[in-house]
Amino acid sequence: MIKTSRTISAAMQVLLCLSPLAGPAHAAESVYTDLDLDACETLAEDMMGVSLKCEGYKDYPVYFKEGDLRQSVIFGTIDQVLIDGAYESFAAFNRVNTKIEWRLNESGEPVAAILRWFIENPGPSGSPSPESTGQVLVISRVGDAGFPGSCFVAMVDAKANRNANELARQAADSDAADFACGMTEPQWIGKRGDLTSERTFSWPEGYVVE
């Protein structure tokens, strides 16, 4: 009887040691960084706007552009042609938030970035008001050495959807890693209200990330 108990105990110890190897893959998780434009490196600047390189997450920088009261942001290891020539934004005047949510894969590397954009629609006075300003969560692919491109993957109207953050994370986890920038159009996820704006995009002529 004692021998049997010891045998069972030993077997349980083996199972406990092996169980992490047999468990499910780690779920995607989020980390957060701040977009501090005052601390960014200026890449180019003129009367029309500015191009900046900012600190992101680990070795994945953030590239910010502003021109004509509209902003553009791409993330990660990016081909120089895109840093210089790509611009993705909205038709309406807009600005981005200062908090970036990075979605990590099972290896702890970011595959998507979620950033809130404010769509500055004119209010009754002609200027944007809290009521007239739309909010859109933009999910972007994060570029890396294997795919040096970044672009919109999906968009979520944060005012029209109570679960906007959840919808954005689901899109990030399911679509961002394999999204074909320059070849696939990003889609609106969930409900879309009247305070959003049409996406605008300028891609270097003849350039496609494959």
N, C-alpha and C. Protein backbone atom coordinates (compact mmCIF):
# COMPACT_ATOMS: atom_id res chain seq x y z
N MET A 1 0.83 -1.20 0.00
CA MET A 1 0.00 0.00 0.00
C MET A 1 0.86 1.25 0.00
N ILE A 2 1.91 1.23 0.82
CA ILE A 2 2.83 2.36 0.87
C ILE A 2 3.50 2.53 -0.48
N LYS A 3 3.89 1.43 -1.12
CA LYS A 3 4.56 1.47 -2.41
C LYS A 3 3.64 2.09 -3.46
N THR A 4 2.38 1.73 -3.41
CA THR A 4 1.42 2.26 -4.37
C THR A 4 1.24 3.76 -4.19
N SER A 5 1.14 4.21 -2.95
CA SER A 5 0.97 5.64 -2.68
C SER A 5 2.16 6.43 -3.18
N ARG A 6 3.36 5.91 -2.96
CA ARG A 6 4.55 6.60 -3.42
C ARG A 6 4.58 6.66 -4.94
N THR A 7 4.13 5.57 -5.58
CA THR A 7 4.10 5.55 -7.05
C THR A 7 3.15 6.59 -7.59
N ILE A 8 1.97 6.70 -6.96
CA ILE A 8 0.99 7.69 -7.38
C ILE A 8 1.53 9.10 -7.17
N SER A 9 2.17 9.31 -6.00
CA SER A 9 2.72 10.63 -5.70
C SER A 9 3.77 11.03 -6.72
N ALA A 10 4.65 10.08 -7.06
CA ALA A 10 5.68 10.37 -8.05
C ALA A 10 5.06 10.69 -9.40
N ALA A 11 4.03 9.95 -9.77
CA ALA A 11 3.37 10.20 -11.05
C ALA A 11 2.73 11.58 -11.07
N MET A 12 2.12 12.00 -9.96
CA MET A 12 1.51 13.32 -9.89
C MET A 12 2.55 14.42 -10.04
N GLN A 13 3.73 14.21 -9.46
CA GLN A 13 4.78 15.21 -9.59
C GLN A 13 5.22 15.35 -11.04
N VAL A 14 5.30 14.24 -11.75
CA VAL A 14 5.67 14.28 -13.17
C VAL A 14 4.62 15.04 -13.96
N LEU A 15 3.35 14.78 -13.67
CA LEU A 15 2.26 15.46 -14.39
C LEU A 15 2.28 16.95 -14.12
N LEU A 16 2.56 17.33 -12.86
CA LEU A 16 2.60 18.74 -12.53
C LEU A 16 3.74 19.44 -13.24
N CYS A 17 4.86 18.73 -13.40
CA CYS A 17 6.00 19.30 -14.11
C CYS A 17 5.73 19.46 -15.59
N LEU A 18 4.96 18.53 -16.15
CA LEU A 18 4.69 18.54 -17.58
C LEU A 18 3.51 19.42 -17.96
N SER A 19 2.63 19.73 -17.01
CA SER A 19 1.39 20.41 -17.33
C SER A 19 1.59 21.76 -18.01
N PRO A 20 2.59 22.59 -17.65
CA PRO A 20 2.74 23.86 -18.37
C PRO A 20 3.04 23.64 -19.85
N LEU A 21 3.76 22.53 -20.17
CA LEU A 21 4.08 22.28 -21.57
C LEU A 21 2.85 21.89 -22.35
N ALA A 22 1.89 21.29 -21.68
CA ALA A 22 0.70 20.82 -22.38
C ALA A 22 -0.43 21.82 -22.34
N GLY A 23 -0.25 22.95 -21.66
CA GLY A 23 -1.32 23.93 -21.50
C GLY A 23 -1.53 24.74 -22.77
N PRO A 24 -2.58 25.55 -22.77
CA PRO A 24 -2.90 26.36 -23.94
C PRO A 24 -1.90 27.50 -24.13
N ALA A 25 -1.85 28.03 -25.36
CA ALA A 25 -0.95 29.15 -25.64
C ALA A 25 -1.40 30.38 -24.86
N HIS A 26 -0.45 31.26 -24.57
CA HIS A 26 -0.77 32.47 -23.82
C HIS A 26 -1.69 33.34 -24.64
N ALA A 27 -2.69 33.91 -24.01
CA ALA A 27 -3.61 34.81 -24.70
C ALA A 27 -2.91 36.14 -24.97
N ALA A 28 -3.40 36.83 -25.99
CA ALA A 28 -2.84 38.14 -26.30
C ALA A 28 -3.05 39.07 -25.11
N GLU A 29 -2.13 40.00 -24.93
CA GLU A 29 -2.24 40.95 -23.84
C GLU A 29 -1.85 42.34 -24.31
N SER A 30 -2.14 43.32 -23.49
CA SER A 30 -1.88 44.71 -23.84
C SER A 30 -0.81 45.32 -22.96
N VAL A 31 -0.03 46.21 -23.54
CA VAL A 31 0.84 47.10 -22.80
C VAL A 31 0.56 48.51 -23.32
N TYR A 32 0.90 49.51 -22.52
CA TYR A 32 0.53 50.88 -22.87
C TYR A 32 1.77 51.78 -22.83
N THR A 33 1.83 52.70 -23.78
CA THR A 33 2.88 53.72 -23.78
C THR A 33 2.25 55.07 -24.06
N ASP A 34 2.97 56.12 -23.72
CA ASP A 34 2.50 57.49 -23.96
C ASP A 34 3.15 58.05 -25.23
N LEU A 35 2.38 58.78 -25.99
CA LEU A 35 2.89 59.48 -27.16
C LEU A 35 3.18 60.92 -26.76
N ASP A 36 4.44 61.19 -26.48
CA ASP A 36 4.87 62.51 -26.03
C ASP A 36 5.52 63.23 -27.22
N LEU A 37 4.75 64.04 -27.91
CA LEU A 37 5.24 64.70 -29.13
C LEU A 37 6.39 65.66 -28.83
N ASP A 38 6.41 66.24 -27.64
CA ASP A 38 7.48 67.18 -27.30
C ASP A 38 8.83 66.49 -27.15
N ALA A 39 8.80 65.17 -26.92
CA ALA A 39 10.05 64.43 -26.72
C ALA A 39 10.51 63.71 -28.00
N CYS A 40 9.80 63.90 -29.10
CA CYS A 40 10.11 63.17 -30.34
C CYS A 40 11.23 63.83 -31.12
N GLU A 41 11.85 63.03 -31.98
CA GLU A 41 12.89 63.53 -32.89
C GLU A 41 12.23 64.08 -34.15
N THR A 42 12.61 65.29 -34.55
CA THR A 42 12.06 65.89 -35.76
C THR A 42 12.79 65.36 -36.98
N LEU A 43 12.04 64.74 -37.89
CA LEU A 43 12.61 64.21 -39.13
C LEU A 43 12.53 65.22 -40.26
N ALA A 44 11.45 65.97 -40.31
CA ALA A 44 11.25 66.99 -41.33
C ALA A 44 10.24 68.00 -40.81
N GLU A 45 10.38 69.25 -41.26
CA GLU A 45 9.45 70.28 -40.81
C GLU A 45 9.43 71.41 -41.83
N ASP A 46 8.24 71.91 -42.14
CA ASP A 46 8.09 73.07 -43.02
C ASP A 46 6.81 73.80 -42.64
N MET A 47 6.42 74.75 -43.46
CA MET A 47 5.24 75.55 -43.16
C MET A 47 3.96 74.72 -43.20
N MET A 48 3.99 73.58 -43.89
CA MET A 48 2.79 72.76 -44.05
C MET A 48 2.59 71.74 -42.94
N GLY A 49 3.68 71.38 -42.25
CA GLY A 49 3.52 70.38 -41.20
C GLY A 49 4.84 69.86 -40.68
N VAL A 50 4.79 68.71 -40.01
CA VAL A 50 5.97 68.16 -39.37
C VAL A 50 5.93 66.64 -39.43
N SER A 51 7.12 66.02 -39.43
CA SER A 51 7.27 64.57 -39.37
C SER A 51 8.19 64.24 -38.21
N LEU A 52 7.74 63.34 -37.32
CA LEU A 52 8.48 63.04 -36.09
C LEU A 52 8.71 61.54 -35.94
N LYS A 53 9.79 61.19 -35.24
CA LYS A 53 10.02 59.83 -34.79
C LYS A 53 9.96 59.83 -33.27
N CYS A 54 9.06 59.02 -32.71
CA CYS A 54 8.81 59.05 -31.28
C CYS A 54 9.11 57.69 -30.64
N GLU A 55 9.32 57.72 -29.35
CA GLU A 55 9.55 56.49 -28.60
C GLU A 55 8.24 55.70 -28.53
N GLY A 56 8.34 54.38 -28.78
CA GLY A 56 7.17 53.52 -28.71
C GLY A 56 7.33 52.45 -27.65
N TYR A 57 7.25 51.20 -28.08
CA TYR A 57 7.38 50.07 -27.16
C TYR A 57 8.61 49.26 -27.54
N LYS A 58 9.52 49.08 -26.59
CA LYS A 58 10.79 48.40 -26.84
C LYS A 58 11.49 49.02 -28.04
N ASP A 59 11.81 48.21 -29.07
CA ASP A 59 12.50 48.71 -30.26
C ASP A 59 11.54 49.07 -31.38
N TYR A 60 10.28 49.28 -31.05
CA TYR A 60 9.27 49.60 -32.05
C TYR A 60 8.88 51.07 -31.92
N PRO A 61 9.43 51.93 -32.77
CA PRO A 61 9.14 53.36 -32.66
C PRO A 61 7.77 53.72 -33.22
N VAL A 62 7.41 54.97 -33.04
CA VAL A 62 6.17 55.53 -33.56
C VAL A 62 6.54 56.69 -34.48
N TYR A 63 5.96 56.71 -35.68
CA TYR A 63 6.21 57.79 -36.63
C TYR A 63 4.94 58.62 -36.76
N PHE A 64 5.08 59.90 -36.49
CA PHE A 64 3.94 60.82 -36.45
C PHE A 64 4.11 61.90 -37.51
N LYS A 65 3.01 62.21 -38.19
CA LYS A 65 3.01 63.32 -39.14
C LYS A 65 1.78 64.19 -38.88
N GLU A 66 1.93 65.49 -39.15
CA GLU A 66 0.79 66.40 -39.08
C GLU A 66 0.87 67.38 -40.23
N GLY A 67 -0.27 67.62 -40.87
CA GLY A 67 -0.36 68.60 -41.94
C GLY A 67 -1.81 68.95 -42.20
N ASP A 68 -2.08 70.22 -42.41
CA ASP A 68 -3.43 70.70 -42.71
C ASP A 68 -4.43 70.27 -41.65
N LEU A 69 -4.02 70.34 -40.39
CA LEU A 69 -4.87 70.02 -39.24
C LEU A 69 -5.36 68.57 -39.25
N ARG A 70 -4.55 67.70 -39.85
CA ARG A 70 -4.83 66.27 -39.86
C ARG A 70 -3.55 65.53 -39.47
N GLN A 71 -3.70 64.39 -38.83
CA GLN A 71 -2.53 63.67 -38.32
C GLN A 71 -2.48 62.25 -38.87
N SER A 72 -1.28 61.69 -38.85
CA SER A 72 -1.05 60.33 -39.34
C SER A 72 -0.03 59.66 -38.43
N VAL A 73 -0.24 58.39 -38.13
CA VAL A 73 0.66 57.67 -37.22
C VAL A 73 0.87 56.25 -37.74
N ILE A 74 2.14 55.83 -37.82
CA ILE A 74 2.47 54.45 -38.15
C ILE A 74 3.43 53.92 -37.09
N PHE A 75 3.53 52.60 -37.01
CA PHE A 75 4.18 51.99 -35.85
C PHE A 75 5.18 50.92 -36.27
N GLY A 76 6.32 50.87 -35.56
CA GLY A 76 7.23 49.75 -35.68
C GLY A 76 8.40 49.97 -36.62
N THR A 77 8.96 48.87 -37.10
CA THR A 77 10.07 48.88 -38.05
C THR A 77 9.49 49.12 -39.43
N ILE A 78 9.75 50.29 -40.01
CA ILE A 78 9.08 50.73 -41.22
C ILE A 78 10.10 51.03 -42.32
N ASP A 79 9.77 50.63 -43.54
CA ASP A 79 10.59 50.95 -44.69
C ASP A 79 10.69 52.47 -44.85
N GLN A 80 11.87 52.96 -45.20
CA GLN A 80 12.07 54.40 -45.29
C GLN A 80 11.14 55.06 -46.31
N VAL A 81 10.81 54.34 -47.37
CA VAL A 81 9.89 54.88 -48.37
C VAL A 81 8.54 55.22 -47.74
N LEU A 82 8.08 54.40 -46.81
CA LEU A 82 6.82 54.64 -46.14
C LEU A 82 6.93 55.75 -45.10
N ILE A 83 8.05 55.79 -44.41
CA ILE A 83 8.26 56.86 -43.44
C ILE A 83 8.19 58.21 -44.14
N ASP A 84 8.77 58.29 -45.33
CA ASP A 84 8.79 59.55 -46.07
C ASP A 84 7.47 59.84 -46.77
N GLY A 85 6.83 58.80 -47.34
CA GLY A 85 5.74 59.06 -48.26
C GLY A 85 4.35 58.61 -47.88
N ALA A 86 4.20 57.79 -46.84
CA ALA A 86 2.86 57.29 -46.49
C ALA A 86 2.15 58.28 -45.56
N TYR A 87 0.83 58.42 -45.78
CA TYR A 87 0.04 59.30 -44.92
C TYR A 87 -1.38 58.75 -44.87
N GLU A 88 -1.81 58.33 -43.69
CA GLU A 88 -3.13 57.74 -43.52
C GLU A 88 -3.85 58.49 -42.41
N SER A 89 -5.03 58.99 -42.70
CA SER A 89 -5.73 59.84 -41.75
C SER A 89 -7.23 59.79 -42.05
N PHE A 90 -7.91 60.89 -41.72
CA PHE A 90 -9.33 61.05 -42.00
C PHE A 90 -9.55 62.36 -42.75
N ALA A 91 -10.64 62.42 -43.50
CA ALA A 91 -10.93 63.61 -44.29
C ALA A 91 -11.19 64.83 -43.41
N ALA A 92 -11.87 64.63 -42.30
CA ALA A 92 -12.16 65.74 -41.39
C ALA A 92 -10.91 66.11 -40.59
N PHE A 93 -10.87 67.34 -40.08
CA PHE A 93 -9.80 67.73 -39.18
C PHE A 93 -9.78 66.75 -38.01
N ASN A 94 -8.57 66.42 -37.53
CA ASN A 94 -8.49 65.41 -36.49
C ASN A 94 -7.21 65.55 -35.68
N ARG A 95 -7.18 64.83 -34.59
CA ARG A 95 -5.99 64.75 -33.74
C ARG A 95 -6.03 63.42 -33.02
N VAL A 96 -4.86 62.95 -32.58
CA VAL A 96 -4.79 61.65 -31.92
C VAL A 96 -4.62 61.84 -30.42
N ASN A 97 -4.97 60.78 -29.69
CA ASN A 97 -4.79 60.75 -28.25
C ASN A 97 -3.32 60.49 -27.93
N THR A 98 -2.97 60.57 -26.66
CA THR A 98 -1.57 60.41 -26.27
C THR A 98 -1.27 59.05 -25.65
N LYS A 99 -2.25 58.14 -25.60
CA LYS A 99 -2.05 56.81 -25.02
C LYS A 99 -2.18 55.77 -26.12
N ILE A 100 -1.16 54.92 -26.26
CA ILE A 100 -1.15 53.86 -27.27
C ILE A 100 -1.27 52.51 -26.57
N GLU A 101 -2.18 51.70 -27.04
CA GLU A 101 -2.32 50.33 -26.56
C GLU A 101 -1.68 49.39 -27.58
N TRP A 102 -0.68 48.64 -27.14
CA TRP A 102 0.00 47.68 -28.01
C TRP A 102 -0.52 46.29 -27.68
N ARG A 103 -0.93 45.54 -28.69
CA ARG A 103 -1.37 44.17 -28.50
C ARG A 103 -0.20 43.23 -28.82
N LEU A 104 0.13 42.38 -27.85
CA LEU A 104 1.29 41.51 -27.96
C LEU A 104 0.88 40.10 -28.35
N ASN A 105 1.76 39.41 -29.09
CA ASN A 105 1.51 38.01 -29.41
C ASN A 105 2.07 37.12 -28.31
N GLU A 106 2.06 35.80 -28.53
CA GLU A 106 2.49 34.87 -27.49
C GLU A 106 3.98 34.99 -27.18
N SER A 107 4.73 35.62 -28.11
CA SER A 107 6.17 35.83 -27.88
C SER A 107 6.46 37.16 -27.21
N GLY A 108 5.42 37.93 -26.92
CA GLY A 108 5.61 39.21 -26.27
C GLY A 108 5.97 40.34 -27.21
N GLU A 109 5.80 40.13 -28.51
CA GLU A 109 6.12 41.16 -29.49
C GLU A 109 4.82 41.82 -29.97
N PRO A 110 4.83 43.13 -30.20
CA PRO A 110 3.60 43.81 -30.62
C PRO A 110 3.26 43.51 -32.08
N VAL A 111 2.00 43.21 -32.32
CA VAL A 111 1.52 42.96 -33.68
C VAL A 111 0.52 44.03 -34.11
N ALA A 112 -0.05 44.74 -33.14
CA ALA A 112 -1.03 45.77 -33.45
C ALA A 112 -0.93 46.90 -32.43
N ALA A 113 -1.32 48.07 -32.86
CA ALA A 113 -1.40 49.23 -31.97
C ALA A 113 -2.80 49.82 -32.09
N ILE A 114 -3.38 50.20 -30.97
CA ILE A 114 -4.71 50.80 -30.94
C ILE A 114 -4.56 52.23 -30.42
N LEU A 115 -5.05 53.17 -31.22
CA LEU A 115 -4.91 54.59 -30.87
C LEU A 115 -6.25 55.30 -31.11
N ARG A 116 -6.65 56.12 -30.17
CA ARG A 116 -7.90 56.87 -30.27
C ARG A 116 -7.67 58.17 -31.06
N TRP A 117 -8.52 58.39 -32.04
CA TRP A 117 -8.49 59.62 -32.83
C TRP A 117 -9.73 60.45 -32.50
N PHE A 118 -9.55 61.75 -32.46
CA PHE A 118 -10.66 62.68 -32.25
C PHE A 118 -10.98 63.35 -33.58
N ILE A 119 -12.21 63.16 -34.05
CA ILE A 119 -12.67 63.74 -35.30
C ILE A 119 -13.34 65.07 -34.99
N GLU A 120 -12.73 66.16 -35.41
CA GLU A 120 -13.15 67.48 -34.97
C GLU A 120 -14.20 68.08 -35.91
N ASN A 121 -15.40 67.53 -35.83
CA ASN A 121 -16.52 68.07 -36.59
C ASN A 121 -16.94 69.42 -36.01
N PRO A 122 -17.36 70.36 -36.85
CA PRO A 122 -17.81 71.65 -36.33
C PRO A 122 -19.11 71.53 -35.55
N GLY A 123 -19.19 72.25 -34.44
CA GLY A 123 -20.40 72.29 -33.64
C GLY A 123 -21.29 73.45 -34.05
N PRO A 124 -22.30 73.78 -33.26
CA PRO A 124 -23.23 74.88 -33.58
C PRO A 124 -22.53 76.22 -33.79
N SER A 125 -21.43 76.45 -33.09
CA SER A 125 -20.71 77.72 -33.20
C SER A 125 -19.74 77.73 -34.38
N GLY A 126 -19.58 76.59 -35.03
CA GLY A 126 -18.62 76.49 -36.12
C GLY A 126 -17.32 75.84 -35.70
N SER A 127 -17.06 75.80 -34.40
CA SER A 127 -15.87 75.16 -33.85
C SER A 127 -16.25 73.81 -33.24
N PRO A 128 -15.31 72.88 -33.14
CA PRO A 128 -15.62 71.58 -32.52
C PRO A 128 -16.07 71.75 -31.08
N SER A 129 -17.03 70.96 -30.68
CA SER A 129 -17.50 70.92 -29.30
C SER A 129 -17.42 69.49 -28.82
N PRO A 130 -17.50 69.24 -27.51
CA PRO A 130 -17.49 67.85 -27.02
C PRO A 130 -18.58 67.00 -27.66
N GLU A 131 -19.73 67.62 -27.92
CA GLU A 131 -20.84 66.87 -28.50
C GLU A 131 -20.62 66.57 -29.97
N SER A 132 -19.94 67.46 -30.69
CA SER A 132 -19.75 67.28 -32.13
C SER A 132 -18.49 66.49 -32.48
N THR A 133 -17.60 66.30 -31.51
CA THR A 133 -16.34 65.62 -31.76
C THR A 133 -16.52 64.11 -31.74
N GLY A 134 -16.18 63.46 -32.84
CA GLY A 134 -16.23 62.01 -32.89
C GLY A 134 -14.99 61.39 -32.30
N GLN A 135 -15.09 60.11 -31.94
CA GLN A 135 -13.94 59.37 -31.42
C GLN A 135 -13.87 58.02 -32.13
N VAL A 136 -12.72 57.74 -32.71
CA VAL A 136 -12.53 56.50 -33.46
C VAL A 136 -11.30 55.78 -32.92
N LEU A 137 -11.46 54.51 -32.58
CA LEU A 137 -10.31 53.67 -32.24
C LEU A 137 -9.77 53.08 -33.53
N VAL A 138 -8.52 53.40 -33.83
CA VAL A 138 -7.88 52.90 -35.05
C VAL A 138 -6.92 51.77 -34.67
N ILE A 139 -7.12 50.63 -35.29
CA ILE A 139 -6.25 49.48 -35.09
C ILE A 139 -5.26 49.45 -36.25
N SER A 140 -3.97 49.48 -35.95
CA SER A 140 -2.94 49.51 -36.98
C SER A 140 -2.02 48.30 -36.86
N ARG A 141 -1.56 47.83 -37.99
CA ARG A 141 -0.53 46.79 -37.97
C ARG A 141 0.79 47.42 -37.56
N VAL A 142 1.57 46.69 -36.78
CA VAL A 142 2.90 47.14 -36.36
C VAL A 142 3.94 46.49 -37.27
N GLY A 143 4.77 47.30 -37.89
CA GLY A 143 5.79 46.77 -38.78
C GLY A 143 6.93 46.10 -38.04
N ASP A 144 7.53 45.10 -38.67
CA ASP A 144 8.71 44.44 -38.11
C ASP A 144 9.66 44.10 -39.24
N ALA A 145 10.76 43.40 -38.93
CA ALA A 145 11.77 43.11 -39.94
C ALA A 145 11.21 42.27 -41.08
N GLY A 146 10.26 41.39 -40.78
CA GLY A 146 9.67 40.54 -41.81
C GLY A 146 8.63 41.24 -42.65
N PHE A 147 8.04 42.31 -42.13
CA PHE A 147 7.01 43.07 -42.83
C PHE A 147 7.16 44.53 -42.42
N PRO A 148 8.00 45.29 -43.12
CA PRO A 148 8.31 46.66 -42.69
C PRO A 148 7.26 47.69 -43.11
N GLY A 149 6.01 47.41 -42.78
CA GLY A 149 4.94 48.33 -43.13
C GLY A 149 3.91 48.42 -42.01
N SER A 150 3.22 49.56 -41.96
CA SER A 150 2.20 49.78 -40.95
C SER A 150 1.06 50.55 -41.59
N CYS A 151 -0.17 50.19 -41.22
CA CYS A 151 -1.33 50.84 -41.81
C CYS A 151 -2.56 50.55 -40.97
N PHE A 152 -3.67 51.24 -41.28
CA PHE A 152 -4.94 50.95 -40.63
C PHE A 152 -5.37 49.51 -40.95
N VAL A 153 -5.80 48.79 -39.94
CA VAL A 153 -6.37 47.45 -40.11
C VAL A 153 -7.89 47.51 -39.98
N ALA A 154 -8.37 48.26 -39.01
CA ALA A 154 -9.81 48.39 -38.77
C ALA A 154 -10.05 49.66 -37.96
N MET A 155 -11.32 50.07 -37.92
CA MET A 155 -11.72 51.27 -37.20
C MET A 155 -13.00 50.98 -36.42
N VAL A 156 -13.09 51.53 -35.22
CA VAL A 156 -14.27 51.34 -34.37
C VAL A 156 -14.75 52.70 -33.88
N ASP A 157 -16.01 52.98 -34.10
CA ASP A 157 -16.61 54.21 -33.60
C ASP A 157 -16.77 54.07 -32.08
N ALA A 158 -15.96 54.83 -31.35
CA ALA A 158 -15.94 54.68 -29.89
C ALA A 158 -17.16 55.29 -29.22
N LYS A 159 -17.89 56.15 -29.90
CA LYS A 159 -19.09 56.73 -29.32
C LYS A 159 -20.33 55.90 -29.63
N ALA A 160 -20.31 55.17 -30.72
CA ALA A 160 -21.48 54.40 -31.14
C ALA A 160 -21.49 52.99 -30.56
N ASN A 161 -20.36 52.54 -30.02
CA ASN A 161 -20.26 51.17 -29.51
C ASN A 161 -19.81 51.19 -28.05
N ARG A 162 -20.64 50.67 -27.16
CA ARG A 162 -20.28 50.63 -25.75
C ARG A 162 -19.08 49.74 -25.49
N ASN A 163 -18.93 48.69 -26.31
CA ASN A 163 -17.81 47.75 -26.15
C ASN A 163 -16.72 48.04 -27.17
N ALA A 164 -16.47 49.31 -27.43
CA ALA A 164 -15.52 49.70 -28.47
C ALA A 164 -14.12 49.15 -28.22
N ASN A 165 -13.66 49.20 -26.98
CA ASN A 165 -12.31 48.70 -26.68
C ASN A 165 -12.20 47.20 -26.94
N GLU A 166 -13.25 46.48 -26.56
CA GLU A 166 -13.26 45.04 -26.79
C GLU A 166 -13.26 44.72 -28.29
N LEU A 167 -14.07 45.45 -29.06
CA LEU A 167 -14.10 45.23 -30.50
C LEU A 167 -12.75 45.53 -31.13
N ALA A 168 -12.08 46.59 -30.66
CA ALA A 168 -10.78 46.95 -31.21
C ALA A 168 -9.74 45.87 -30.91
N ARG A 169 -9.76 45.33 -29.71
CA ARG A 169 -8.80 44.29 -29.36
C ARG A 169 -9.05 43.01 -30.15
N GLN A 170 -10.32 42.68 -30.35
CA GLN A 170 -10.64 41.49 -31.13
C GLN A 170 -10.12 41.64 -32.56
N ALA A 171 -10.32 42.80 -33.16
CA ALA A 171 -9.82 43.04 -34.52
C ALA A 171 -8.30 43.00 -34.55
N ALA A 172 -7.67 43.58 -33.54
CA ALA A 172 -6.22 43.57 -33.48
C ALA A 172 -5.67 42.15 -33.42
N ASP A 173 -6.28 41.33 -32.58
CA ASP A 173 -5.77 39.97 -32.38
C ASP A 173 -6.06 39.06 -33.57
N SER A 174 -7.17 39.28 -34.25
CA SER A 174 -7.55 38.36 -35.33
C SER A 174 -7.03 38.78 -36.70
N ASP A 175 -6.83 40.09 -36.92
CA ASP A 175 -6.57 40.56 -38.28
C ASP A 175 -5.22 41.22 -38.50
N ALA A 176 -4.62 41.80 -37.47
CA ALA A 176 -3.46 42.67 -37.68
C ALA A 176 -2.22 41.93 -38.17
N ALA A 177 -1.95 40.77 -37.61
CA ALA A 177 -0.68 40.08 -37.88
C ALA A 177 -0.48 39.76 -39.36
N ASP A 178 -1.55 39.50 -40.09
CA ASP A 178 -1.45 39.12 -41.50
C ASP A 178 -2.08 40.15 -42.43
N PHE A 179 -2.36 41.33 -41.94
CA PHE A 179 -3.05 42.31 -42.77
C PHE A 179 -2.12 42.82 -43.87
N ALA A 180 -2.63 42.87 -45.10
CA ALA A 180 -1.83 43.26 -46.26
C ALA A 180 -1.92 44.75 -46.49
N CYS A 181 -1.01 45.50 -45.91
CA CYS A 181 -0.99 46.96 -46.11
C CYS A 181 -0.75 47.27 -47.57
N GLY A 182 -1.49 48.23 -48.09
CA GLY A 182 -1.36 48.62 -49.47
C GLY A 182 -2.15 47.76 -50.43
N MET A 183 -2.75 46.67 -49.92
CA MET A 183 -3.51 45.77 -50.78
C MET A 183 -4.93 45.53 -50.27
N THR A 184 -5.16 45.71 -48.99
CA THR A 184 -6.46 45.44 -48.37
C THR A 184 -7.01 46.69 -47.71
N GLU A 185 -8.29 46.95 -47.92
CA GLU A 185 -8.93 48.12 -47.32
C GLU A 185 -9.33 47.81 -45.87
N PRO A 186 -9.03 48.69 -44.93
CA PRO A 186 -9.50 48.50 -43.55
C PRO A 186 -11.01 48.65 -43.48
N GLN A 187 -11.63 47.96 -42.52
CA GLN A 187 -13.08 47.96 -42.40
C GLN A 187 -13.52 48.58 -41.07
N TRP A 188 -14.73 49.12 -41.07
CA TRP A 188 -15.35 49.57 -39.83
C TRP A 188 -15.93 48.37 -39.11
N ILE A 189 -15.69 48.29 -37.81
CA ILE A 189 -16.17 47.19 -36.98
C ILE A 189 -17.28 47.71 -36.07
N GLY A 190 -18.38 46.98 -35.98
CA GLY A 190 -19.48 47.41 -35.12
C GLY A 190 -20.31 48.51 -35.76
N LYS A 191 -21.02 49.25 -34.92
CA LYS A 191 -21.87 50.35 -35.40
C LYS A 191 -21.02 51.56 -35.77
N ARG A 192 -21.49 52.28 -36.78
CA ARG A 192 -20.81 53.51 -37.18
C ARG A 192 -21.79 54.66 -37.17
N GLY A 193 -21.50 55.68 -36.36
CA GLY A 193 -22.39 56.83 -36.24
C GLY A 193 -22.03 57.95 -37.19
N ASP A 194 -22.69 59.10 -37.00
CA ASP A 194 -22.53 60.25 -37.90
C ASP A 194 -21.33 61.11 -37.56
N LEU A 195 -20.66 60.86 -36.44
CA LEU A 195 -19.54 61.72 -36.04
C LEU A 195 -18.19 61.22 -36.54
N THR A 196 -18.19 60.14 -37.32
CA THR A 196 -16.95 59.63 -37.87
C THR A 196 -16.63 60.36 -39.18
N SER A 197 -15.57 59.95 -39.83
CA SER A 197 -15.15 60.58 -41.08
C SER A 197 -14.57 59.51 -42.01
N GLU A 198 -14.56 59.80 -43.29
CA GLU A 198 -13.98 58.86 -44.24
C GLU A 198 -12.46 58.82 -44.10
N ARG A 199 -11.92 57.63 -44.19
CA ARG A 199 -10.47 57.46 -44.16
C ARG A 199 -9.86 58.02 -45.44
N THR A 200 -8.72 58.66 -45.30
CA THR A 200 -7.93 59.11 -46.45
C THR A 200 -6.56 58.45 -46.39
N PHE A 201 -5.97 58.19 -47.54
CA PHE A 201 -4.71 57.45 -47.55
C PHE A 201 -3.88 57.82 -48.76
N SER A 202 -2.62 58.12 -48.52
CA SER A 202 -1.66 58.39 -49.59
C SER A 202 -0.52 57.40 -49.45
N TRP A 203 -0.32 56.56 -50.47
CA TRP A 203 0.71 55.52 -50.44
C TRP A 203 1.74 55.83 -51.52
N PRO A 204 3.02 55.62 -51.29
CA PRO A 204 4.03 55.88 -52.33
C PRO A 204 3.67 55.14 -53.62
N GLU A 205 3.78 55.84 -54.73
CA GLU A 205 3.36 55.28 -56.02
C GLU A 205 4.10 53.98 -56.34
N GLY A 206 3.32 52.95 -56.65
CA GLY A 206 3.89 51.68 -57.05
C GLY A 206 4.46 50.84 -55.92
N TYR A 207 4.28 51.31 -54.66
CA TYR A 207 4.88 50.60 -53.52
C TYR A 207 3.85 49.79 -52.79
N VAL A 208 4.12 48.52 -52.65
CA VAL A 208 3.25 47.62 -51.91
C VAL A 208 4.12 46.75 -51.00
N VAL A 209 3.75 46.67 -49.74
CA VAL A 209 4.47 45.79 -48.82
C VAL A 209 3.91 44.38 -48.97
N GLU A 210 4.77 43.40 -49.27
CA GLU A 210 4.32 42.02 -49.45
C GLU A 210 5.03 41.10 -48.45
